[in-house]
Amino acid sequence: MKLQCEVEVINRILPTFGMRNRGKAARAVLSIGRHLDKTTKIQNIYLMICTLKDKAGCKYKLKENIEQFFTRFVEQGKATIRLKEPAVDVCLSKVCSI
């Protein structure tokens, strides 16, 4: 499954160190897929975020790693996925499916 949207990844640990997140939302393609680890034979589900600057993308493990979904404004094309490890919030806006 692929979605084209504005994505902002917010690190929740930075404020504890007195730092601010300088990031802003970037246009990206969000993909969800499975990957089979050949050594352990375990199948993991990943969320991949590819932008124009980072074409290889960032991968986040989803299986048993989602802390909470925020879907109050999903009708407006907005949602947030809170992950346990790494401690980040993936904020989605202007979502349209490909």
PDB file of N, CA and C in Angstrom:
ATOM      1  N   MET A   1       0.837  -1.165   0.000  1.00  0.00           N
ATOM      2  CA  MET A   1       0.000   0.000   0.000  1.00  0.00           C
ATOM      3  C   MET A   1       0.893   1.243   0.000  1.00  0.00           C
ATOM      4  N   LYS A   2       0.555   2.229  -0.814  1.00  0.00           N
ATOM      5  CA  LYS A   2       1.327   3.459  -0.903  1.00  0.00           C
ATOM      6  C   LYS A   2       0.411   4.668  -0.748  1.00  0.00           C
ATOM      7  N   LEU A   3       0.901   5.651  -0.012  1.00  0.00           N
ATOM      8  CA  LEU A   3       0.192   6.912   0.159  1.00  0.00           C
ATOM      9  C   LEU A   3       1.138   8.053  -0.154  1.00  0.00           C
ATOM     10  N   GLN A   4       0.635   9.064  -0.843  1.00  0.00           N
ATOM     11  CA  GLN A   4       1.411  10.266  -1.093  1.00  0.00           C
ATOM     12  C   GLN A   4       0.889  11.333  -0.135  1.00  0.00           C
ATOM     13  N   CYS A   5       1.785  11.922   0.677  1.00  0.00           N
ATOM     14  CA  CYS A   5       1.329  12.849   1.701  1.00  0.00           C
ATOM     15  C   CYS A   5       2.474  13.729   2.197  1.00  0.00           C
ATOM     16  N   GLU A   6       2.120  14.675   3.048  1.00  0.00           N
ATOM     17  CA  GLU A   6       3.099  15.481   3.763  1.00  0.00           C
ATOM     18  C   GLU A   6       3.418  14.724   5.049  1.00  0.00           C
ATOM     19  N   VAL A   7       4.711  14.495   5.315  1.00  0.00           N
ATOM     20  CA  VAL A   7       5.123  13.724   6.482  1.00  0.00           C
ATOM     21  C   VAL A   7       6.087  14.551   7.316  1.00  0.00           C
ATOM     22  N   GLU A   8       5.865  14.540   8.633  1.00  0.00           N
ATOM     23  CA  GLU A   8       6.796  15.150   9.573  1.00  0.00           C
ATOM     24  C   GLU A   8       7.084  14.120  10.652  1.00  0.00           C
ATOM     25  N   VAL A   9       8.363  13.820  10.860  1.00  0.00           N
ATOM     26  CA  VAL A   9       8.766  12.875  11.889  1.00  0.00           C
ATOM     27  C   VAL A   9       9.279  13.681  13.075  1.00  0.00           C
ATOM     28  N   ILE A  10       8.607  13.546  14.212  1.00  0.00           N
ATOM     29  CA  ILE A  10       8.936  14.321  15.409  1.00  0.00           C
ATOM     30  C   ILE A  10       9.525  13.387  16.455  1.00  0.00           C
ATOM     31  N   ASN A  11      10.735  13.686  16.890  1.00  0.00           N
ATOM     32  CA  ASN A  11      11.398  12.907  17.925  1.00  0.00           C
ATOM     33  C   ASN A  11      10.889  13.368  19.283  1.00  0.00           C
ATOM     34  N   ARG A  12      10.343  12.433  20.080  1.00  0.00           N
ATOM     35  CA  ARG A  12       9.777  12.790  21.376  1.00  0.00           C
ATOM     36  C   ARG A  12      10.831  12.901  22.472  1.00  0.00           C
ATOM     37  N   ILE A  13      12.060  12.487  22.235  1.00  0.00           N
ATOM     38  CA  ILE A  13      13.106  12.517  23.259  1.00  0.00           C
ATOM     39  C   ILE A  13      13.841  13.861  23.274  1.00  0.00           C
ATOM     40  N   LEU A  14      13.858  14.586  22.160  1.00  0.00           N
ATOM     41  CA  LEU A  14      14.606  15.839  22.083  1.00  0.00           C
ATOM     42  C   LEU A  14      14.248  16.856  23.161  1.00  0.00           C
ATOM     43  N   PRO A  15      12.991  17.085  23.513  1.00  0.00           N
ATOM     44  CA  PRO A  15      12.700  18.077  24.552  1.00  0.00           C
ATOM     45  C   PRO A  15      13.321  17.763  25.913  1.00  0.00           C
ATOM     46  N   THR A  16      13.579  16.497  26.220  1.00  0.00           N
ATOM     47  CA  THR A  16      14.201  16.156  27.503  1.00  0.00           C
ATOM     48  C   THR A  16      15.650  16.609  27.562  1.00  0.00           C
ATOM     49  N   PHE A  17      16.270  16.787  26.403  1.00  0.00           N
ATOM     50  CA  PHE A  17      17.639  17.289  26.333  1.00  0.00           C
ATOM     51  C   PHE A  17      17.678  18.795  26.085  1.00  0.00           C
ATOM     52  N   GLY A  18      16.541  19.447  26.110  1.00  0.00           N
ATOM     53  CA  GLY A  18      16.483  20.886  25.892  1.00  0.00           C
ATOM     54  C   GLY A  18      16.635  21.291  24.441  1.00  0.00           C
ATOM     55  N   MET A  19      16.409  20.373  23.528  1.00  0.00           N
ATOM     56  CA  MET A  19      16.538  20.654  22.101  1.00  0.00           C
ATOM     57  C   MET A  19      15.148  20.698  21.470  1.00  0.00           C
ATOM     58  N   ARG A  20      15.057  21.446  20.377  1.00  0.00           N
ATOM     59  CA  ARG A  20      13.802  21.528  19.638  1.00  0.00           C
ATOM     60  C   ARG A  20      13.928  20.770  18.330  1.00  0.00           C
ATOM     61  N   ASN A  21      12.810  20.259  17.871  1.00  0.00           N
ATOM     62  CA  ASN A  21      12.784  19.571  16.583  1.00  0.00           C
ATOM     63  C   ASN A  21      12.681  20.631  15.490  1.00  0.00           C
ATOM     64  N   ARG A  22      13.693  20.757  14.646  1.00  0.00           N
ATOM     65  CA  ARG A  22      13.743  21.778  13.607  1.00  0.00           C
ATOM     66  C   ARG A  22      13.075  21.340  12.310  1.00  0.00           C
ATOM     67  N   GLY A  23      12.583  20.121  12.268  1.00  0.00           N
ATOM     68  CA  GLY A  23      12.024  19.592  11.031  1.00  0.00           C
ATOM     69  C   GLY A  23      10.723  20.247  10.629  1.00  0.00           C
ATOM     70  N   LYS A  24      10.420  20.142   9.376  1.00  0.00           N
ATOM     71  CA  LYS A  24       9.125  20.577   8.877  1.00  0.00           C
ATOM     72  C   LYS A  24       8.618  19.489   7.950  1.00  0.00           C
ATOM     73  N   ALA A  25       7.360  19.561   7.644  1.00  0.00           N
ATOM     74  CA  ALA A  25       6.747  18.526   6.820  1.00  0.00           C
ATOM     75  C   ALA A  25       7.331  18.548   5.413  1.00  0.00           C
ATOM     76  N   ALA A  26       7.529  17.361   4.861  1.00  0.00           N
ATOM     77  CA  ALA A  26       8.051  17.210   3.504  1.00  0.00           C
ATOM     78  C   ALA A  26       7.122  16.279   2.732  1.00  0.00           C
ATOM     79  N   ARG A  27       7.013  16.523   1.438  1.00  0.00           N
ATOM     80  CA  ARG A  27       6.209  15.661   0.569  1.00  0.00           C
ATOM     81  C   ARG A  27       6.907  14.309   0.478  1.00  0.00           C
ATOM     82  N   ALA A  28       6.168  13.236   0.691  1.00  0.00           N
ATOM     83  CA  ALA A  28       6.786  11.912   0.725  1.00  0.00           C
ATOM     84  C   ALA A  28       5.807  10.855   0.242  1.00  0.00           C
ATOM     85  N   VAL A  29       6.363   9.692  -0.042  1.00  0.00           N
ATOM     86  CA  VAL A  29       5.569   8.504  -0.355  1.00  0.00           C
ATOM     87  C   VAL A  29       5.720   7.564   0.826  1.00  0.00           C
ATOM     88  N   LEU A  30       4.599   7.191   1.397  1.00  0.00           N
ATOM     89  CA  LEU A  30       4.562   6.337   2.563  1.00  0.00           C
ATOM     90  C   LEU A  30       4.153   4.938   2.103  1.00  0.00           C
ATOM     91  N   SER A  31       4.973   3.932   2.389  1.00  0.00           N
ATOM     92  CA  SER A  31       4.694   2.565   1.963  1.00  0.00           C
ATOM     93  C   SER A  31       4.661   1.642   3.168  1.00  0.00           C
ATOM     94  N   ILE A  32       3.778   0.662   3.120  1.00  0.00           N
ATOM     95  CA  ILE A  32       3.712  -0.363   4.154  1.00  0.00           C
ATOM     96  C   ILE A  32       3.935  -1.698   3.466  1.00  0.00           C
ATOM     97  N   GLY A  33       4.869  -2.466   3.999  1.00  0.00           N
ATOM     98  CA  GLY A  33       5.161  -3.749   3.378  1.00  0.00           C
ATOM     99  C   GLY A  33       5.773  -4.734   4.348  1.00  0.00           C
ATOM    100  N   ARG A  34       5.953  -5.955   3.869  1.00  0.00           N
ATOM    101  CA  ARG A  34       6.533  -7.021   4.682  1.00  0.00           C
ATOM    102  C   ARG A  34       7.926  -7.363   4.197  1.00  0.00           C
ATOM    103  N   HIS A  35       8.752  -7.836   5.127  1.00  0.00           N
ATOM    104  CA  HIS A  35      10.099  -8.266   4.788  1.00  0.00           C
ATOM    105  C   HIS A  35      10.387  -9.549   5.560  1.00  0.00           C
ATOM    106  N   LEU A  36      10.885 -10.565   4.868  1.00  0.00           N
ATOM    107  CA  LEU A  36      11.218 -11.844   5.486  1.00  0.00           C
ATOM    108  C   LEU A  36      12.709 -11.864   5.799  1.00  0.00           C
ATOM    109  N   ASP A  37      13.034 -11.986   7.079  1.00  0.00           N
ATOM    110  CA  ASP A  37      14.433 -12.106   7.494  1.00  0.00           C
ATOM    111  C   ASP A  37      14.874 -13.539   7.235  1.00  0.00           C
ATOM    112  N   LYS A  38      15.851 -13.707   6.344  1.00  0.00           N
ATOM    113  CA  LYS A  38      16.245 -15.045   5.905  1.00  0.00           C
ATOM    114  C   LYS A  38      16.957 -15.840   6.986  1.00  0.00           C
ATOM    115  N   THR A  39      17.633 -15.165   7.925  1.00  0.00           N
ATOM    116  CA  THR A  39      18.362 -15.895   8.964  1.00  0.00           C
ATOM    117  C   THR A  39      17.435 -16.424  10.048  1.00  0.00           C
ATOM    118  N   THR A  40      16.469 -15.604  10.484  1.00  0.00           N
ATOM    119  CA  THR A  40      15.575 -16.028  11.563  1.00  0.00           C
ATOM    120  C   THR A  40      14.220 -16.518  11.071  1.00  0.00           C
ATOM    121  N   LYS A  41      13.928 -16.357   9.780  1.00  0.00           N
ATOM    122  CA  LYS A  41      12.658 -16.761   9.171  1.00  0.00           C
ATOM    123  C   LYS A  41      11.458 -16.040   9.801  1.00  0.00           C
ATOM    124  N   ILE A  42      11.700 -14.823  10.309  1.00  0.00           N
ATOM    125  CA  ILE A  42      10.630 -14.023  10.890  1.00  0.00           C
ATOM    126  C   ILE A  42      10.210 -12.962   9.882  1.00  0.00           C
ATOM    127  N   GLN A  43       8.903 -12.815   9.717  1.00  0.00           N
ATOM    128  CA  GLN A  43       8.367 -11.846   8.779  1.00  0.00           C
ATOM    129  C   GLN A  43       7.956 -10.591   9.554  1.00  0.00           C
ATOM    130  N   ASN A  44       8.564  -9.447   9.214  1.00  0.00           N
ATOM    131  CA  ASN A  44       8.271  -8.186   9.878  1.00  0.00           C
ATOM    132  C   ASN A  44       7.525  -7.256   8.943  1.00  0.00           C
ATOM    133  N   ILE A  45       6.703  -6.389   9.523  1.00  0.00           N
ATOM    134  CA  ILE A  45       5.973  -5.380   8.767  1.00  0.00           C
ATOM    135  C   ILE A  45       6.643  -4.039   9.018  1.00  0.00           C
ATOM    136  N   TYR A  46       6.934  -3.303   7.926  1.00  0.00           N
ATOM    137  CA  TYR A  46       7.654  -2.046   8.019  1.00  0.00           C
ATOM    138  C   TYR A  46       6.859  -0.906   7.397  1.00  0.00           C
ATOM    139  N   LEU A  47       7.109   0.295   7.911  1.00  0.00           N
ATOM    140  CA  LEU A  47       6.609   1.535   7.345  1.00  0.00           C
ATOM    141  C   LEU A  47       7.811   2.230   6.731  1.00  0.00           C
ATOM    142  N   MET A  48       7.746   2.551   5.448  1.00  0.00           N
ATOM    143  CA  MET A  48       8.864   3.200   4.760  1.00  0.00           C
ATOM    144  C   MET A  48       8.433   4.569   4.272  1.00  0.00           C
ATOM    145  N   ILE A  49       9.272   5.577   4.571  1.00  0.00           N
ATOM    146  CA  ILE A  49       9.003   6.953   4.183  1.00  0.00           C
ATOM    147  C   ILE A  49      10.095   7.388   3.229  1.00  0.00           C
ATOM    148  N   CYS A  50       9.734   7.652   1.968  1.00  0.00           N
ATOM    149  CA  CYS A  50      10.681   8.084   0.938  1.00  0.00           C
ATOM    150  C   CYS A  50      10.359   9.517   0.530  1.00  0.00           C
ATOM    151  N   THR A  51      11.364  10.392   0.582  1.00  0.00           N
ATOM    152  CA  THR A  51      11.217  11.779   0.156  1.00  0.00           C
ATOM    153  C   THR A  51      12.126  12.027  -1.037  1.00  0.00           C
ATOM    154  N   LEU A  52      12.051  13.216  -1.612  1.00  0.00           N
ATOM    155  CA  LEU A  52      12.937  13.556  -2.727  1.00  0.00           C
ATOM    156  C   LEU A  52      14.391  13.620  -2.274  1.00  0.00           C
ATOM    157  N   LYS A  53      14.636  14.097  -1.052  1.00  0.00           N
ATOM    158  CA  LYS A  53      16.003  14.176  -0.535  1.00  0.00           C
ATOM    159  C   LYS A  53      16.535  12.817  -0.114  1.00  0.00           C
ATOM    160  N   ASP A  54      15.664  11.969   0.422  1.00  0.00           N
ATOM    161  CA  ASP A  54      16.055  10.646   0.910  1.00  0.00           C
ATOM    162  C   ASP A  54      15.290   9.589   0.131  1.00  0.00           C
ATOM    163  N   LYS A  55      15.792   9.278  -1.072  1.00  0.00           N
ATOM    164  CA  LYS A  55      15.089   8.341  -1.949  1.00  0.00           C
ATOM    165  C   LYS A  55      15.149   6.903  -1.440  1.00  0.00           C
ATOM    166  N   ALA A  56      16.200   6.557  -0.668  1.00  0.00           N
ATOM    167  CA  ALA A  56      16.297   5.219  -0.094  1.00  0.00           C
ATOM    168  C   ALA A  56      15.249   5.033   1.000  1.00  0.00           C
ATOM    169  N   GLY A  57      14.914   6.109   1.683  1.00  0.00           N
ATOM    170  CA  GLY A  57      13.847   6.090   2.668  1.00  0.00           C
ATOM    171  C   GLY A  57      14.277   5.669   4.051  1.00  0.00           C
ATOM    172  N   CYS A  58      13.406   5.925   5.007  1.00  0.00           N
ATOM    173  CA  CYS A  58      13.580   5.506   6.397  1.00  0.00           C
ATOM    174  C   CYS A  58      12.595   4.384   6.663  1.00  0.00           C
ATOM    175  N   LYS A  59      13.054   3.339   7.334  1.00  0.00           N
ATOM    176  CA  LYS A  59      12.192   2.211   7.657  1.00  0.00           C
ATOM    177  C   LYS A  59      11.928   2.193   9.150  1.00  0.00           C
ATOM    178  N   TYR A  60      10.665   1.969   9.492  1.00  0.00           N
ATOM    179  CA  TYR A  60      10.259   1.837  10.881  1.00  0.00           C
ATOM    180  C   TYR A  60       9.498   0.533  11.031  1.00  0.00           C
ATOM    181  N   LYS A  61       9.898  -0.278  11.987  1.00  0.00           N
ATOM    182  CA  LYS A  61       9.232  -1.544  12.253  1.00  0.00           C
ATOM    183  C   LYS A  61       7.863  -1.241  12.866  1.00  0.00           C
ATOM    184  N   LEU A  62       6.813  -1.928  12.405  1.00  0.00           N
ATOM    185  CA  LEU A  62       5.463  -1.687  12.904  1.00  0.00           C
ATOM    186  C   LEU A  62       4.948  -2.795  13.811  1.00  0.00           C
ATOM    187  N   LYS A  63       5.377  -4.014  13.576  1.00  0.00           N
ATOM    188  CA  LYS A  63       4.842  -5.146  14.331  1.00  0.00           C
ATOM    189  C   LYS A  63       5.213  -5.010  15.811  1.00  0.00           C
ATOM    190  N   GLU A  64       4.190  -4.924  16.665  1.00  0.00           N
ATOM    191  CA  GLU A  64       4.337  -4.766  18.114  1.00  0.00           C
ATOM    192  C   GLU A  64       5.134  -3.517  18.477  1.00  0.00           C
ATOM    193  N   ASN A  65       5.075  -2.469  17.641  1.00  0.00           N
ATOM    194  CA  ASN A  65       5.842  -1.252  17.869  1.00  0.00           C
ATOM    195  C   ASN A  65       4.963  -0.003  17.827  1.00  0.00           C
ATOM    196  N   ILE A  66       3.680  -0.147  17.594  1.00  0.00           N
ATOM    197  CA  ILE A  66       2.793   1.011  17.530  1.00  0.00           C
ATOM    198  C   ILE A  66       2.214   1.254  18.919  1.00  0.00           C
ATOM    199  N   GLU A  67       2.484   2.451  19.439  1.00  0.00           N
ATOM    200  CA  GLU A  67       1.967   2.807  20.754  1.00  0.00           C
ATOM    201  C   GLU A  67       0.533   3.317  20.650  1.00  0.00           C
ATOM    202  N   GLN A  68       0.274   4.194  19.656  1.00  0.00           N
ATOM    203  CA  GLN A  68      -1.058   4.776  19.529  1.00  0.00           C
ATOM    204  C   GLN A  68      -1.254   5.362  18.138  1.00  0.00           C
ATOM    205  N   PHE A  69      -2.503   5.318  17.658  1.00  0.00           N
ATOM    206  CA  PHE A  69      -2.919   6.015  16.441  1.00  0.00           C
ATOM    207  C   PHE A  69      -3.765   7.211  16.853  1.00  0.00           C
ATOM    208  N   PHE A  70      -3.505   8.356  16.250  1.00  0.00           N
ATOM    209  CA  PHE A  70      -4.343   9.533  16.464  1.00  0.00           C
ATOM    210  C   PHE A  70      -5.091   9.772  15.156  1.00  0.00           C
ATOM    211  N   THR A  71      -6.387   9.502  15.147  1.00  0.00           N
ATOM    212  CA  THR A  71      -7.168   9.557  13.908  1.00  0.00           C
ATOM    213  C   THR A  71      -8.378  10.481  14.036  1.00  0.00           C
ATOM    214  N   ARG A  72      -8.289  11.461  14.896  1.00  0.00           N
ATOM    215  CA  ARG A  72      -9.432  12.359  15.093  1.00  0.00           C
ATOM    216  C   ARG A  72      -9.767  13.150  13.827  1.00  0.00           C
ATOM    217  N   PHE A  73      -8.744  13.524  13.043  1.00  0.00           N
ATOM    218  CA  PHE A  73      -8.953  14.341  11.850  1.00  0.00           C
ATOM    219  C   PHE A  73      -8.704  13.551  10.565  1.00  0.00           C
ATOM    220  N   VAL A  74      -8.987  12.268  10.579  1.00  0.00           N
ATOM    221  CA  VAL A  74      -8.724  11.431   9.412  1.00  0.00           C
ATOM    222  C   VAL A  74      -9.604  11.833   8.229  1.00  0.00           C
ATOM    223  N   GLU A  75     -10.773  12.401   8.481  1.00  0.00           N
ATOM    224  CA  GLU A  75     -11.641  12.856   7.389  1.00  0.00           C
ATOM    225  C   GLU A  75     -10.996  14.009   6.626  1.00  0.00           C
ATOM    226  N   GLN A  76     -10.137  14.776   7.292  1.00  0.00           N
ATOM    227  CA  GLN A  76      -9.435  15.892   6.669  1.00  0.00           C
ATOM    228  C   GLN A  76      -8.095  15.456   6.062  1.00  0.00           C
ATOM    229  N   GLY A  77      -7.786  14.162   6.117  1.00  0.00           N
ATOM    230  CA  GLY A  77      -6.537  13.654   5.558  1.00  0.00           C
ATOM    231  C   GLY A  77      -5.362  13.793   6.499  1.00  0.00           C
ATOM    232  N   LYS A  78      -5.631  13.805   7.818  1.00  0.00           N
ATOM    233  CA  LYS A  78      -4.573  13.952   8.812  1.00  0.00           C
ATOM    234  C   LYS A  78      -4.613  12.784   9.789  1.00  0.00           C
ATOM    235  N   ALA A  79      -3.430  12.318  10.193  1.00  0.00           N
ATOM    236  CA  ALA A  79      -3.319  11.260  11.186  1.00  0.00           C
ATOM    237  C   ALA A  79      -1.901  11.288  11.755  1.00  0.00           C
ATOM    238  N   THR A  80      -1.733  10.680  12.921  1.00  0.00           N
ATOM    239  CA  THR A  80      -0.418  10.573  13.550  1.00  0.00           C
ATOM    240  C   THR A  80      -0.242   9.154  14.051  1.00  0.00           C
ATOM    241  N   ILE A  81       0.952   8.612  13.828  1.00  0.00           N
ATOM    242  CA  ILE A  81       1.302   7.278  14.310  1.00  0.00           C
ATOM    243  C   ILE A  81       2.401   7.460  15.346  1.00  0.00           C
ATOM    244  N   ARG A  82       2.157   7.017  16.579  1.00  0.00           N
ATOM    245  CA  ARG A  82       3.162   7.109  17.644  1.00  0.00           C
ATOM    246  C   ARG A  82       3.828   5.746  17.786  1.00  0.00           C
ATOM    247  N   LEU A  83       5.147   5.711  17.587  1.00  0.00           N
ATOM    248  CA  LEU A  83       5.923   4.476  17.684  1.00  0.00           C
ATOM    249  C   LEU A  83       6.628   4.385  19.030  1.00  0.00           C
ATOM    250  N   LYS A  84       6.816   3.150  19.499  1.00  0.00           N
ATOM    251  CA  LYS A  84       7.521   2.927  20.759  1.00  0.00           C
ATOM    252  C   LYS A  84       9.028   3.071  20.580  1.00  0.00           C
ATOM    253  N   GLU A  85       9.578   2.390  19.578  1.00  0.00           N
ATOM    254  CA  GLU A  85      11.031   2.392  19.356  1.00  0.00           C
ATOM    255  C   GLU A  85      11.320   2.590  17.880  1.00  0.00           C
ATOM    256  N   PRO A  86      11.951   3.604  17.432  1.00  0.00           N
ATOM    257  CA  PRO A  86      12.416   4.772  18.168  1.00  0.00           C
ATOM    258  C   PRO A  86      11.233   5.621  18.608  1.00  0.00           C
ATOM    259  N   ALA A  87      11.436   6.448  19.618  1.00  0.00           N
ATOM    260  CA  ALA A  87      10.358   7.262  20.198  1.00  0.00           C
ATOM    261  C   ALA A  87      10.070   8.443  19.288  1.00  0.00           C
ATOM    262  N   VAL A  88       9.280   8.192  18.245  1.00  0.00           N
ATOM    263  CA  VAL A  88       8.940   9.238  17.275  1.00  0.00           C
ATOM    264  C   VAL A  88       7.438   9.232  17.016  1.00  0.00           C
ATOM    265  N   ASP A  89       6.958  10.397  16.566  1.00  0.00           N
ATOM    266  CA  ASP A  89       5.600  10.542  16.061  1.00  0.00           C
ATOM    267  C   ASP A  89       5.696  10.810  14.569  1.00  0.00           C
ATOM    268  N   VAL A  90       4.993  10.041  13.773  1.00  0.00           N
ATOM    269  CA  VAL A  90       4.952  10.246  12.320  1.00  0.00           C
ATOM    270  C   VAL A  90       3.628  10.940  12.026  1.00  0.00           C
ATOM    271  N   CYS A  91       3.725  12.233  11.702  1.00  0.00           N
ATOM    272  CA  CYS A  91       2.528  13.053  11.457  1.00  0.00           C
ATOM    273  C   CYS A  91       2.259  13.100   9.956  1.00  0.00           C
ATOM    274  N   LEU A  92       1.060  12.722   9.563  1.00  0.00           N
ATOM    275  CA  LEU A  92       0.658  12.696   8.158  1.00  0.00           C
ATOM    276  C   LEU A  92      -0.393  13.756   7.907  1.00  0.00           C
ATOM    277  N   SER A  93      -0.273  14.453   6.778  1.00  0.00           N
ATOM    278  CA  SER A  93      -1.288  15.419   6.377  1.00  0.00           C
ATOM    279  C   SER A  93      -1.347  15.448   4.858  1.00  0.00           C
ATOM    280  N   LYS A  94      -2.432  15.982   4.339  1.00  0.00           N
ATOM    281  CA  LYS A  94      -2.659  16.064   2.902  1.00  0.00           C
ATOM    282  C   LYS A  94      -2.496  14.701   2.235  1.00  0.00           C
ATOM    283  N   VAL A  95      -3.141  13.701   2.800  1.00  0.00           N
ATOM    284  CA  VAL A  95      -2.980  12.319   2.348  1.00  0.00           C
ATOM    285  C   VAL A  95      -3.863  12.053   1.134  1.00  0.00           C
ATOM    286  N   CYS A  96      -3.265  11.424   0.120  1.00  0.00           N
ATOM    287  CA  CYS A  96      -4.021  10.921  -1.025  1.00  0.00           C
ATOM    288  C   CYS A  96      -3.368   9.607  -1.456  1.00  0.00           C
ATOM    289  N   SER A  97      -4.159   8.598  -1.751  1.00  0.00           N
ATOM    290  CA  SER A  97      -3.619   7.283  -2.099  1.00  0.00           C
ATOM    291  C   SER A  97      -3.179   7.267  -3.556  1.00  0.00           C
ATOM    292  N   ILE A  98      -2.201   6.419  -3.830  1.00  0.00           N
ATOM    293  CA  ILE A  98      -1.663   6.275  -5.188  1.00  0.00           C
ATOM    294  C   ILE A  98      -2.348   5.079  -5.842  1.00  0.00           C
TER     295      ILE A  98
END
